[in-house]
Amino acid sequence: MTVTTYQVEGMTCGHCVSSVTAEVGKVAGVSGVDVDLASGAVTVTSAAPLDPTLVEAAVTEAGYELAGKVELLPQVSGSCCGSGGCH
């Protein structure tokens, strides 16, 4: 499973969230889409890594702009903060 978070600009309401969710959900291989309106984050779950141009095209089709991919630290198993260096 691959989880990737993108930053989307221009969303202002629930209709925006619905539009982005619907369009990104149509991309082949996508199994889940979670949109956070407040931050503009769109988290996409897929079985394998997706071509980011396909996600960008879906966001554009919905009427919004993909500002980039958000780099998140991988969560280390058994770690409370993801760094693996907890005391």
Protein backbone atom coordinates (compact mmCIF):
# COMPACT_ATOMS: atom_id res chain seq x y z
CA MET A 1 0.00 0.00 0.00
CA THR A 2 1.23 3.49 -0.87
CA VAL A 3 -0.01 6.65 0.84
CA THR A 4 0.94 9.99 -0.70
CA THR A 5 -0.16 13.45 0.39
CA TYR A 6 -0.43 16.34 -2.06
CA GLN A 7 -1.04 20.04 -1.45
CA VAL A 8 -3.98 21.45 -3.42
CA GLU A 9 -4.74 25.16 -3.74
CA GLY A 10 -8.09 26.83 -4.28
CA MET A 11 -10.44 24.64 -2.26
CA THR A 12 -12.82 26.70 -0.10
CA CYS A 13 -15.88 24.56 0.70
CA GLY A 14 -17.43 21.13 0.94
CA HIS A 15 -18.26 21.12 -2.77
CA CYS A 16 -14.54 21.60 -3.50
CA VAL A 17 -13.73 18.60 -1.31
CA SER A 18 -16.35 16.49 -3.10
CA SER A 19 -15.07 17.48 -6.54
CA VAL A 20 -11.44 16.71 -5.75
CA THR A 21 -12.36 13.44 -4.02
CA ALA A 22 -14.45 12.31 -6.99
CA GLU A 23 -11.88 13.17 -9.68
CA VAL A 24 -8.84 11.78 -7.85
CA GLY A 25 -10.87 8.68 -6.96
CA LYS A 26 -11.26 7.98 -10.70
CA VAL A 27 -7.48 7.59 -11.19
CA ALA A 28 -6.64 3.94 -11.89
CA GLY A 29 -5.20 2.27 -8.83
CA VAL A 30 -6.56 4.73 -6.26
CA SER A 31 -8.25 2.95 -3.36
CA GLY A 32 -8.86 5.95 -1.11
CA VAL A 33 -8.88 9.74 -1.07
CA ASP A 34 -8.96 11.90 2.06
CA VAL A 35 -9.21 15.69 1.66
CA ASP A 36 -8.48 18.10 4.51
CA LEU A 37 -10.11 21.39 3.52
CA ALA A 38 -8.42 23.42 6.26
CA SER A 39 -4.88 22.52 5.20
CA GLY A 40 -5.47 21.77 1.51
CA ALA A 41 -3.93 18.32 1.98
CA VAL A 42 -5.17 15.51 -0.24
CA THR A 43 -4.04 12.07 0.91
CA VAL A 44 -4.22 9.37 -1.73
CA THR A 45 -4.02 5.66 -0.97
CA SER A 46 -3.13 3.17 -3.69
CA ALA A 47 -1.85 -0.38 -4.02
CA ALA A 48 1.29 0.85 -5.81
CA PRO A 49 2.94 4.24 -6.35
CA LEU A 50 0.96 6.44 -8.77
CA ASP A 51 2.21 8.64 -11.56
CA PRO A 52 1.90 12.13 -10.01
CA THR A 53 0.91 13.58 -13.39
CA LEU A 54 -2.28 11.49 -13.25
CA VAL A 55 -3.14 12.91 -9.83
CA GLU A 56 -2.34 16.42 -11.07
CA ALA A 57 -4.59 15.95 -14.11
CA ALA A 58 -7.45 14.81 -11.85
CA VAL A 59 -7.03 17.82 -9.55
CA THR A 60 -6.94 20.13 -12.58
CA GLU A 61 -10.08 18.46 -13.99
CA ALA A 62 -11.80 19.21 -10.67
CA GLY A 63 -10.87 22.88 -11.15
CA TYR A 64 -8.01 23.23 -8.67
CA GLU A 65 -4.23 23.44 -8.70
CA LEU A 66 -1.81 20.84 -7.39
CA ALA A 67 0.86 22.79 -5.50
CA GLY A 68 3.10 19.78 -4.87
CA LYS A 69 3.67 16.60 -2.98
CA VAL A 70 4.00 16.80 0.79
CA GLU A 71 7.00 14.86 2.06
CA LEU A 72 6.17 12.99 5.27
CA LEU A 73 8.57 11.06 7.45
CA PRO A 74 7.88 7.33 7.31
CA GLN A 75 6.43 5.90 10.50
CA VAL A 76 8.86 3.46 12.11
CA SER A 77 7.18 0.44 13.67
CA GLY A 78 7.15 0.66 17.46
CA SER A 79 8.07 4.33 17.47
CA CYS A 80 5.87 7.02 18.99
CA CYS A 81 7.18 9.81 16.75
CA GLY A 82 8.42 8.11 13.60
CA SER A 83 12.11 8.78 14.26
CA GLY A 84 12.86 5.43 15.84
CA GLY A 85 14.90 7.13 18.54
CA CYS A 86 12.37 7.33 21.38
CA HIS A 87 13.57 6.91 24.94
